Amino acid sequence: MVSRVIPVDRFDLVIFGGTGDLARRKILPGLYRRFCAGQMPDGARIIGAARSDLDRGAFQDMVRDAITEFGTGAPCEGATLDDFLETLDYMRVDARGEDGWDALKDMLRDDSDVVRAFYFSVGPGLFGDIAARLQSHGLATEDSRVVVEKPFGRDLGSARALNADLAQHFREDQIYRIDHYLGKETVQNLMAVRFGNVLFEPLWNAQFVDHIQITVAETVSVEGRGAYYDKSGAMRDMVQNHLMQLLCLIAMEPPSRFDPDAVRDEKLKVIRALAPVEPHHIVRGQYEAGGGVASYRDHAENPKSFTESFIALRCHIENWRWAGVPFYLRTGKRMKARMSEITVVFKPTRHSIFDIGEGEDVHSNMLHIRLQPNEGMTLDVTIKEPGPGGMRLVTVPLDMTFSEALGPEAEDVPDAYERLIMDVIRGNQTLFMRGDEVEAAWAWTDPIIAGWEARADVPKPYEPGSSGPEDALMLMHRDGRRWREIKA
């Protein structure tokens, strides 16, 4: 099988915050992998911009070290790390001052055939400053693109302010709000499975679906970024963006075509159809000390912190497709295993012709969409257990990872950042959030946060290495359901 890769135009990519942690861990190693895959065209240039007093050689040395430490995937063939480093340059720039901007402009090519993109790998407090200087110093063109990282605001008011700051200098079709979850191979496969197969779409509604679970569990603590996290919490850090995007993709109506605005229009409809969440459908937790790791409050250096490191929600979408179908969302730190998964639980057959004994499980089909680790999909189907002794039913997984069919191509898929950065160069906004989408997500999230603050709710403690607070299990048990087990 020969894969079809959409070509990428020549580009000048400026990474503001080019010496920062995200650039070193994800952006630059990801670009190197695209270079190794032959996807970066001749004449592509990457320019780091930051406050650090470096020259080109020192920046190249830093990138070499970053790729050595954080690079993953198959070995580079047909090119060398030295070849990639030759595409790099560096300019010292003051984001809030005037130093370096004119020199950076001179470094960029004045060629209409060269895409000019600016990656804001900095805190949101600098978005407006950088955008303004790109315009005032003439670096931004009519076709320039800007990439902004999360967090995009911490509430509706701040998100609107950030949108307004960017809108003063760039059109909406120039702004790429990145959420790396949307770049994962299996997330995009979700759209292919839903809308490219007659098997699933007719069943994707309240008539056949019992409930849907979305789990993003992490084993890491907040150590090292406790001060930031304590002002955010799991709701702002994970639910408002990552889990919300997964919810939209699993629940949206089929778009009229695979087009950026058509897809994002349907996602926006899902967010606007989300019902307010009742207080008894919210469980917040905070990990305690254990396993040689300090407690959340110790990591946050706040002994009286009421910030959640875990949250579980029961949500409802008020439209015809999903009327009465609960969506259970949960995410947390210091969990039993690292796992990101969507599970669609279908209703059991309306009438079973088999003699199911009392206490035996009723067999239901389940589609498990695993985002990490080991990206892939499985469908639980019911068959007869082999052997004599009557009709005994057993559930077996039908493997849908396609790894054997696709061969090595399925084993070394691009990292999310790799795919998304190349989409920016191509001008494809399908996997990026639109401004109204971000604001709608905050409009749903803000009342939930305001409600527990008004009630002075205290997060439930949970043991590190567990599945979260006991109350989260009860959230499902009260409905006669249970969470899918968190396992590596």
Protein backbone atom coordinates (compact mmCIF):
# COMPACT_ATOMS: atom_id res chain seq x y z
CA MET A 1 0.00 0.00 0.00
CA VAL A 2 1.33 3.45 -0.93
CA SER A 3 0.21 6.25 1.35
CA ARG A 4 -0.78 9.59 -0.16
CA VAL A 5 0.96 12.52 1.53
CA ILE A 6 -0.22 16.04 0.77
CA PRO A 7 2.84 18.11 -0.15
CA VAL A 8 3.99 20.97 2.04
CA ASP A 9 5.01 24.36 0.63
CA ARG A 10 8.30 26.03 1.47
CA PHE A 11 7.99 27.86 4.76
CA ASP A 12 9.57 30.13 7.32
CA LEU A 13 8.41 28.96 10.76
CA VAL A 14 9.23 31.26 13.68
CA ILE A 15 8.90 29.62 17.11
CA PHE A 16 8.50 32.21 19.86
CA GLY A 17 9.66 30.54 23.04
CA GLY A 18 12.03 28.49 20.90
CA THR A 19 14.27 27.66 23.88
CA GLY A 20 11.37 26.68 26.14
CA ASP A 21 10.29 23.28 27.43
CA LEU A 22 7.52 22.67 24.86
CA ALA A 23 9.79 23.56 21.95
CA ARG A 24 12.53 21.25 23.24
CA ARG A 25 10.27 18.32 24.10
CA LYS A 26 7.71 18.35 21.30
CA ILE A 27 7.93 20.98 18.58
CA LEU A 28 11.57 20.69 17.45
CA PRO A 29 11.85 16.88 17.76
CA GLY A 30 8.55 16.63 15.86
CA LEU A 31 9.85 18.83 13.06
CA TYR A 32 12.97 16.68 12.88
CA ARG A 33 10.84 13.57 12.40
CA ARG A 34 8.97 15.27 9.55
CA PHE A 35 12.35 16.18 8.08
CA CYS A 36 13.44 12.54 8.32
CA ALA A 37 10.19 11.45 6.65
CA GLY A 38 11.00 13.70 3.69
CA GLN A 39 7.99 15.91 4.38
CA MET A 40 9.86 19.17 4.86
CA PRO A 41 10.51 20.74 1.46
CA ASP A 42 13.84 22.09 0.28
CA GLY A 43 14.19 25.63 1.50
CA ALA A 44 12.17 25.15 4.70
CA ARG A 45 13.49 27.26 7.56
CA ILE A 46 12.87 27.17 11.31
CA ILE A 47 13.76 30.22 13.38
CA GLY A 48 13.86 30.14 17.16
CA ALA A 49 12.97 33.42 18.88
CA ALA A 50 13.37 33.99 22.61
CA ARG A 51 14.99 36.22 25.23
CA SER A 52 18.01 33.93 25.64
CA ASP A 53 21.26 35.46 24.45
CA LEU A 54 22.25 32.79 21.91
CA ASP A 55 23.72 32.76 18.46
CA ARG A 56 22.81 30.37 15.67
CA GLY A 57 25.42 27.79 16.63
CA ALA A 58 24.39 27.73 20.29
CA PHE A 59 20.73 27.31 19.32
CA GLN A 60 21.63 24.45 16.99
CA ASP A 61 23.55 22.78 19.82
CA MET A 62 20.54 23.14 22.10
CA VAL A 63 18.27 21.58 19.46
CA ARG A 64 20.72 18.74 18.90
CA ASP A 65 20.63 17.95 22.63
CA ALA A 66 16.82 18.19 22.69
CA ILE A 67 16.42 15.77 19.79
CA THR A 68 18.90 13.36 21.35
CA GLU A 69 16.99 13.45 24.65
CA PHE A 70 13.37 13.62 23.49
CA GLY A 71 13.37 12.31 19.91
CA THR A 72 11.37 9.13 19.27
CA GLY A 73 10.44 6.87 16.38
CA ALA A 74 12.29 5.12 13.61
CA PRO A 75 15.89 6.10 12.81
CA CYS A 76 16.32 8.90 10.29
CA GLU A 77 17.03 7.56 6.82
CA GLY A 78 18.32 9.50 3.83
CA ALA A 79 19.18 12.55 5.92
CA THR A 80 21.18 13.41 8.99
CA LEU A 81 20.68 15.47 12.08
CA ASP A 82 23.29 17.88 10.76
CA ASP A 83 21.18 18.42 7.63
CA PHE A 84 18.19 19.31 9.80
CA LEU A 85 20.20 21.65 11.99
CA GLU A 86 21.21 23.58 8.87
CA THR A 87 17.54 24.62 8.49
CA LEU A 88 17.66 26.36 11.89
CA ASP A 89 18.38 29.95 12.79
CA TYR A 90 17.91 32.05 15.90
CA MET A 91 17.06 35.61 16.86
CA ARG A 92 16.99 37.19 20.30
CA VAL A 93 13.64 39.00 20.61
CA ASP A 94 11.97 40.94 23.41
CA ALA A 95 8.28 40.02 23.29
CA ARG A 96 7.23 43.11 25.27
CA GLY A 97 9.85 45.48 23.90
CA GLU A 98 11.22 46.52 20.53
CA ASP A 99 14.56 44.69 20.51
CA GLY A 100 15.13 42.16 17.79
CA TRP A 101 11.96 42.63 15.74
CA ASP A 102 13.45 44.48 12.79
CA ALA A 103 16.35 42.01 12.62
CA LEU A 104 13.85 39.13 12.68
CA LYS A 105 11.96 40.76 9.81
CA ASP A 106 15.17 40.96 7.78
CA MET A 107 15.73 37.25 8.41
CA LEU A 108 12.39 36.30 6.83
CA ARG A 109 12.08 35.83 3.09
CA ASP A 110 9.94 38.29 1.16
CA ASP A 111 8.60 35.68 -1.24
CA SER A 112 4.93 35.03 -1.93
CA ASP A 113 5.68 31.33 -2.48
CA VAL A 114 7.01 30.92 1.08
CA VAL A 115 4.46 30.30 3.84
CA ARG A 116 5.15 32.47 6.88
CA ALA A 117 4.00 30.94 10.19
CA PHE A 118 4.49 32.06 13.78
CA TYR A 119 4.22 29.58 16.66
CA PHE A 120 3.39 31.21 20.04
CA SER A 121 5.04 28.63 22.33
CA VAL A 122 4.66 31.08 25.22
CA GLY A 123 2.17 31.89 27.97
CA PRO A 124 -1.16 33.46 26.90
CA GLY A 125 -0.14 36.71 28.59
CA LEU A 126 2.25 37.30 25.68
CA PHE A 127 -0.15 36.50 22.82
CA GLY A 128 -1.36 40.06 22.40
CA ASP A 129 2.12 41.58 22.70
CA ILE A 130 3.62 39.31 20.05
CA ALA A 131 0.65 39.68 17.70
CA ALA A 132 0.84 43.47 17.93
CA ARG A 133 4.57 43.56 17.18
CA LEU A 134 4.26 41.17 14.26
CA GLN A 135 1.95 43.75 12.70
CA SER A 136 3.68 46.96 13.76
CA HIS A 137 7.07 45.75 12.52
CA GLY A 138 5.67 44.38 9.27
CA LEU A 139 6.48 40.71 9.86
CA ALA A 140 2.90 39.50 9.33
CA THR A 141 1.53 39.26 5.81
CA GLU A 142 -2.01 38.75 4.53
CA ASP A 143 -1.35 34.99 4.36
CA SER A 144 0.65 34.58 7.60
CA ARG A 145 -0.52 32.00 10.14
CA VAL A 146 -0.23 32.07 13.91
CA VAL A 147 -0.35 29.06 16.23
CA VAL A 148 -1.40 29.57 19.85
CA GLU A 149 -1.08 27.04 22.66
CA LYS A 150 -3.42 26.27 25.52
CA PRO A 151 -4.43 27.43 28.06
CA PHE A 152 -6.57 29.72 25.93
CA GLY A 153 -7.97 31.70 28.83
CA ARG A 154 -9.03 30.51 32.26
CA ASP A 155 -12.69 31.51 31.92
CA LEU A 156 -15.08 32.98 29.37
CA GLY A 157 -14.03 36.57 30.03
CA SER A 158 -10.32 35.96 29.55
CA ALA A 159 -10.93 33.77 26.46
CA ARG A 160 -12.97 36.55 24.89
CA ALA A 161 -10.22 39.02 25.68
CA LEU A 162 -7.58 36.78 24.05
CA ASN A 163 -9.77 36.31 20.99
CA ALA A 164 -10.26 40.06 20.77
CA ASP A 165 -6.49 40.69 21.07
CA LEU A 166 -5.73 38.28 18.24
CA ALA A 167 -8.64 39.52 16.12
CA GLN A 168 -7.15 43.03 16.13
CA HIS A 169 -4.21 41.74 14.10
CA PHE A 170 -5.24 38.48 12.40
CA ARG A 171 -8.31 37.06 10.69
CA GLU A 172 -9.93 33.96 12.14
CA ASP A 173 -8.72 31.90 9.18
CA GLN A 174 -5.13 32.82 10.13
CA ILE A 175 -5.41 31.67 13.78
CA TYR A 176 -4.64 28.05 14.72
CA ARG A 177 -5.57 27.22 18.34
CA ILE A 178 -3.77 23.96 18.93
CA ASP A 179 -5.02 21.04 21.05
CA HIS A 180 -2.58 18.17 20.60
CA TYR A 181 -5.27 15.58 21.40
CA LEU A 182 -6.86 16.32 18.04
CA GLY A 183 -3.63 15.38 16.29
CA LYS A 184 -3.60 11.83 17.62
CA GLU A 185 -3.98 9.16 14.95
CA THR A 186 -6.86 7.39 16.69
CA VAL A 187 -8.83 10.60 17.22
CA GLN A 188 -8.81 11.18 13.48
CA ASN A 189 -9.56 7.49 12.90
CA LEU A 190 -12.68 8.05 14.96
CA MET A 191 -14.06 10.29 12.21
CA ALA A 192 -13.09 7.74 9.56
CA VAL A 193 -14.79 4.89 11.46
CA ARG A 194 -17.94 6.92 12.08
CA PHE A 195 -18.41 8.57 8.73
CA GLY A 196 -16.62 6.15 6.39
CA ASN A 197 -18.43 2.93 7.36
CA VAL A 198 -22.10 2.09 6.98
CA LEU A 199 -21.72 -0.31 9.93
CA PHE A 200 -21.55 2.28 12.71
CA GLU A 201 -23.35 5.50 11.81
CA PRO A 202 -26.88 3.98 11.81
CA LEU A 203 -26.25 2.77 15.39
CA TRP A 204 -24.69 6.02 16.64
CA ASN A 205 -27.72 7.38 18.51
CA ALA A 206 -29.92 7.05 21.58
CA GLN A 207 -31.84 4.14 20.11
CA PHE A 208 -28.80 1.86 20.22
CA VAL A 209 -26.23 3.47 22.55
CA ASP A 210 -26.62 2.97 26.30
CA HIS A 211 -23.88 5.39 27.40
CA ILE A 212 -20.43 6.70 26.48
CA GLN A 213 -17.35 6.95 28.71
CA ILE A 214 -14.35 9.20 28.13
CA THR A 215 -11.35 8.59 30.39
CA VAL A 216 -8.01 10.42 30.45
CA ALA A 217 -5.99 8.95 33.33
CA GLU A 218 -2.43 10.00 34.13
CA THR A 219 0.10 8.45 36.51
CA VAL A 220 2.11 11.66 36.87
CA SER A 221 1.69 14.09 39.73
CA VAL A 222 1.69 17.90 39.48
CA GLU A 223 5.18 18.07 40.97
CA GLY A 224 7.21 20.82 39.34
CA ARG A 225 4.16 22.75 38.16
CA GLY A 226 2.03 22.71 41.27
CA ALA A 227 1.80 26.50 41.50
CA TYR A 228 0.36 26.71 37.98
CA TYR A 229 -1.91 23.71 38.39
CA ASP A 230 -3.34 24.98 41.68
CA LYS A 231 -4.80 27.96 39.78
CA SER A 232 -6.22 25.70 37.14
CA GLY A 233 -7.29 22.25 38.30
CA ALA A 234 -8.46 19.29 36.27
CA MET A 235 -11.60 21.05 35.03
CA ARG A 236 -9.75 23.91 33.39
CA ASP A 237 -6.61 21.96 32.49
CA MET A 238 -8.25 18.91 30.88
CA VAL A 239 -12.05 18.93 30.65
CA GLN A 240 -12.60 22.33 29.05
CA ASN A 241 -10.30 21.50 26.16
CA HIS A 242 -9.08 17.90 25.71
CA LEU A 243 -12.13 16.00 26.94
CA MET A 244 -14.49 18.55 25.40
CA GLN A 245 -12.91 18.01 22.00
CA LEU A 246 -13.19 14.23 22.32
CA LEU A 247 -16.83 14.61 23.36
CA CYS A 248 -17.52 16.75 20.30
CA LEU A 249 -15.97 14.30 17.87
CA ILE A 250 -17.81 11.32 19.33
CA ALA A 251 -21.18 13.10 19.46
CA MET A 252 -21.31 15.51 16.51
CA GLU A 253 -23.58 15.17 13.50
CA PRO A 254 -22.02 14.18 10.18
CA PRO A 255 -20.63 17.34 8.56
CA SER A 256 -21.71 18.08 5.01
CA ARG A 257 -18.10 17.57 3.89
CA PHE A 258 -14.66 17.06 5.42
CA ASP A 259 -13.95 20.77 5.53
CA PRO A 260 -12.55 22.86 8.44
CA ASP A 261 -15.60 25.03 9.00
CA ALA A 262 -18.10 22.24 8.30
CA VAL A 263 -16.46 20.04 10.96
CA ARG A 264 -16.12 22.86 13.48
CA ASP A 265 -19.73 23.98 12.93
CA GLU A 266 -20.91 20.53 14.02
CA LYS A 267 -18.59 20.49 17.05
CA LEU A 268 -19.93 23.88 18.11
CA LYS A 269 -23.51 22.55 17.97
CA VAL A 270 -22.56 19.79 20.42
CA ILE A 271 -21.07 22.22 22.94
CA ARG A 272 -24.12 24.49 22.73
CA ALA A 273 -26.41 21.49 23.27
CA LEU A 274 -24.67 20.42 26.50
CA ALA A 275 -27.02 20.68 29.46
CA PRO A 276 -25.91 22.25 32.75
CA VAL A 277 -24.40 19.60 35.02
CA GLU A 278 -26.25 18.89 38.27
CA PRO A 279 -24.14 19.10 41.47
CA HIS A 280 -24.75 15.41 42.30
CA HIS A 281 -23.30 14.51 38.90
CA ILE A 282 -19.92 16.04 39.74
CA VAL A 283 -17.15 14.30 41.69
CA ARG A 284 -13.92 16.12 42.46
CA GLY A 285 -10.87 14.49 44.02
CA GLN A 286 -7.38 15.28 45.23
CA TYR A 287 -4.61 12.71 45.57
CA GLU A 288 -3.07 12.00 48.94
CA ALA A 289 0.54 11.05 49.73
CA GLY A 290 1.57 7.50 48.98
CA GLY A 291 3.97 5.29 47.10
CA GLY A 292 6.88 7.50 47.97
CA VAL A 293 5.20 10.53 46.37
CA ALA A 294 4.00 13.60 48.25
CA SER A 295 0.37 14.69 48.34
CA TYR A 296 -1.19 17.15 45.93
CA ARG A 297 -1.19 19.87 48.57
CA ASP A 298 2.52 19.36 49.16
CA HIS A 299 3.22 19.60 45.44
CA ALA A 300 1.07 22.71 45.19
CA GLU A 301 2.73 24.14 48.31
CA ASN A 302 -0.75 25.02 49.50
CA PRO A 303 -1.84 23.09 52.64
CA LYS A 304 -5.42 24.38 52.33
CA SER A 305 -5.86 23.85 48.59
CA PHE A 306 -9.32 22.85 47.38
CA THR A 307 -8.18 22.44 43.76
CA GLU A 308 -9.11 19.15 42.13
CA SER A 309 -6.53 16.80 40.62
CA PHE A 310 -9.40 14.48 39.58
CA ILE A 311 -12.86 15.12 38.24
CA ALA A 312 -15.70 12.93 37.02
CA LEU A 313 -18.89 14.25 35.41
CA ARG A 314 -22.14 12.89 34.08
CA CYS A 315 -23.17 15.03 31.11
CA HIS A 316 -26.14 15.14 28.75
CA ILE A 317 -26.50 16.48 25.23
CA GLU A 318 -29.94 17.91 24.64
CA ASN A 319 -30.66 16.98 21.05
CA TRP A 320 -32.57 14.26 19.22
CA ARG A 321 -29.58 12.05 18.55
CA TRP A 322 -28.47 11.77 22.19
CA ALA A 323 -31.63 12.37 24.22
CA GLY A 324 -31.36 10.36 27.46
CA VAL A 325 -27.83 9.03 26.78
CA PRO A 326 -25.39 9.90 29.59
CA PHE A 327 -21.79 10.82 28.79
CA TYR A 328 -19.43 10.04 31.66
CA LEU A 329 -16.17 12.00 31.69
CA ARG A 330 -13.26 11.49 34.08
CA THR A 331 -9.66 12.58 34.28
CA GLY A 332 -7.08 12.67 37.04
CA LYS A 333 -3.45 12.71 38.12
CA ARG A 334 -1.65 9.92 40.03
CA MET A 335 -4.05 7.29 38.73
CA LYS A 336 -3.62 3.55 38.47
CA ALA A 337 -2.27 3.65 34.90
CA ARG A 338 -1.78 6.02 32.00
CA MET A 339 -4.76 5.58 29.74
CA SER A 340 -6.83 7.72 27.39
CA GLU A 341 -9.85 5.94 26.01
CA ILE A 342 -13.36 6.44 24.70
CA THR A 343 -15.80 3.58 25.22
CA VAL A 344 -19.15 3.44 23.42
CA VAL A 345 -21.43 0.98 25.23
CA PHE A 346 -24.27 -0.23 23.03
CA LYS A 347 -27.58 -1.43 24.43
CA PRO A 348 -28.08 -5.18 24.76
CA THR A 349 -30.26 -6.99 22.27
CA ARG A 350 -33.93 -6.21 22.83
CA HIS A 351 -34.81 -9.86 23.31
CA SER A 352 -32.30 -12.59 24.07
CA ILE A 353 -33.11 -16.03 22.71
CA PHE A 354 -30.45 -17.51 24.97
CA ASP A 355 -31.00 -18.72 28.51
CA ILE A 356 -28.99 -16.25 30.59
CA GLY A 357 -28.89 -17.39 34.18
CA GLU A 358 -29.62 -15.14 37.13
CA GLY A 359 -26.63 -13.01 38.03
CA GLU A 360 -24.92 -13.50 34.69
CA ASP A 361 -23.83 -10.40 32.81
CA VAL A 362 -25.96 -9.29 29.91
CA HIS A 363 -23.61 -9.12 26.95
CA SER A 364 -23.36 -5.74 25.24
CA ASN A 365 -21.25 -4.68 22.33
CA MET A 366 -18.63 -2.08 23.27
CA LEU A 367 -16.36 -0.06 21.02
CA HIS A 368 -13.12 0.93 22.75
CA ILE A 369 -11.14 3.71 21.12
CA ARG A 370 -7.72 3.85 22.75
CA LEU A 371 -5.78 7.08 22.36
CA GLN A 372 -2.80 6.18 24.54
CA PRO A 373 -0.84 4.10 25.09
CA ASN A 374 -0.89 1.68 22.15
CA GLU A 375 -3.32 3.64 19.99
CA GLY A 376 -6.01 1.49 18.44
CA MET A 377 -9.60 0.26 18.55
CA THR A 378 -11.35 -2.93 19.62
CA LEU A 379 -14.98 -3.96 19.34
CA ASP A 380 -16.37 -6.39 21.94
CA VAL A 381 -18.65 -8.93 20.28
CA THR A 382 -20.57 -11.87 21.72
CA ILE A 383 -19.85 -15.42 20.53
CA LYS A 384 -20.45 -18.95 21.77
CA GLU A 385 -17.78 -20.21 24.13
CA PRO A 386 -16.05 -23.13 22.39
CA GLY A 387 -16.71 -26.64 23.67
CA PRO A 388 -19.63 -28.89 24.57
CA GLY A 389 -22.13 -28.29 27.32
CA GLY A 390 -24.70 -25.96 25.82
CA MET A 391 -24.87 -22.43 24.52
CA ARG A 392 -22.57 -20.43 26.78
CA LEU A 393 -21.94 -16.88 25.65
CA VAL A 394 -18.62 -15.12 25.96
CA THR A 395 -17.39 -11.69 24.93
CA VAL A 396 -14.27 -11.46 22.76
CA PRO A 397 -12.51 -8.42 21.34
CA LEU A 398 -12.46 -7.85 17.59
CA ASP A 399 -9.14 -6.13 16.87
CA MET A 400 -9.49 -2.95 14.83
CA THR A 401 -6.02 -1.48 15.18
CA PHE A 402 -5.19 -2.50 11.59
CA SER A 403 -1.52 -2.87 12.52
CA GLU A 404 -1.11 -6.14 10.61
CA ALA A 405 -2.92 -4.88 7.53
CA LEU A 406 -1.04 -1.59 7.36
CA GLY A 407 2.36 -2.96 8.34
CA PRO A 408 5.21 -0.68 9.45
CA GLU A 409 3.29 2.46 8.48
CA ALA A 410 0.88 1.84 11.35
CA GLU A 411 3.65 1.37 13.89
CA ASP A 412 5.55 4.62 13.40
CA VAL A 413 2.76 7.16 13.07
CA PRO A 414 3.53 10.86 13.39
CA ASP A 415 3.29 12.46 16.80
CA ALA A 416 0.32 14.79 17.26
CA TYR A 417 2.48 17.90 17.11
CA GLU A 418 4.13 16.73 13.91
CA ARG A 419 0.81 16.35 12.15
CA LEU A 420 -0.66 19.58 13.44
CA ILE A 421 2.34 21.74 12.57
CA MET A 422 2.31 20.40 9.02
CA ASP A 423 -1.44 21.15 8.84
CA VAL A 424 -0.65 24.75 9.75
CA ILE A 425 1.79 24.99 6.83
CA ARG A 426 -0.83 23.44 4.53
CA GLY A 427 -3.45 25.90 5.77
CA ASN A 428 -5.80 23.15 7.03
CA GLN A 429 -7.72 24.25 10.16
CA THR A 430 -9.89 21.12 10.54
CA LEU A 431 -8.10 19.89 13.68
CA PHE A 432 -7.85 23.32 15.34
CA MET A 433 -10.36 25.08 17.56
CA ARG A 434 -12.25 28.10 16.30
CA GLY A 435 -12.73 31.16 18.49
CA ASP A 436 -16.49 30.70 18.98
CA GLU A 437 -15.88 27.05 19.87
CA VAL A 438 -13.46 28.01 22.65
CA GLU A 439 -15.87 30.58 24.05
CA ALA A 440 -18.79 28.15 23.98
CA ALA A 441 -16.72 25.60 25.92
CA TRP A 442 -15.94 28.18 28.61
CA ALA A 443 -19.58 29.28 28.72
CA TRP A 444 -20.50 25.69 29.69
CA THR A 445 -17.53 25.22 32.05
CA ASP A 446 -17.73 28.46 34.04
CA PRO A 447 -21.09 27.77 35.79
CA ILE A 448 -19.86 24.34 36.91
CA ILE A 449 -16.80 25.89 38.57
CA ALA A 450 -18.81 28.78 40.00
CA GLY A 451 -21.29 26.31 41.46
CA TRP A 452 -18.80 24.28 43.47
CA GLU A 453 -17.04 27.44 44.62
CA ALA A 454 -20.37 28.85 45.86
CA ARG A 455 -21.12 25.57 47.67
CA ALA A 456 -17.58 25.51 49.11
CA ASP A 457 -17.22 21.91 47.92
CA VAL A 458 -14.11 20.09 49.10
CA PRO A 459 -12.43 17.52 46.80
CA LYS A 460 -12.59 13.92 47.98
CA PRO A 461 -9.20 12.39 48.86
CA TYR A 462 -8.05 9.38 46.88
CA GLU A 463 -5.10 7.04 47.08
CA PRO A 464 -2.32 7.39 44.52
CA GLY A 465 -2.34 4.50 42.07
CA SER A 466 -6.11 4.06 42.37
CA SER A 467 -9.00 4.75 39.99
CA GLY A 468 -9.94 7.91 41.87
CA PRO A 469 -12.34 8.64 44.74
CA GLU A 470 -14.97 6.10 45.75
CA ASP A 471 -17.64 8.67 44.93
CA ALA A 472 -16.65 8.48 41.25
CA LEU A 473 -17.44 4.76 41.25
CA MET A 474 -20.77 5.49 42.87
CA LEU A 475 -21.54 8.04 40.14
CA MET A 476 -21.82 5.07 37.79
CA HIS A 477 -23.12 2.49 40.25
CA ARG A 478 -26.17 4.61 41.04
CA ASP A 479 -27.09 4.28 37.37
CA GLY A 480 -26.49 0.53 37.32
CA ARG A 481 -23.31 0.97 35.29
CA ARG A 482 -19.60 0.75 35.93
CA TRP A 483 -16.48 2.42 34.67
CA ARG A 484 -14.21 0.59 32.29
CA GLU A 485 -11.20 -0.60 34.26
CA ILE A 486 -8.14 1.63 34.07
CA LYS A 487 -5.26 -0.55 32.98
CA ALA A 488 -2.01 -0.07 31.12
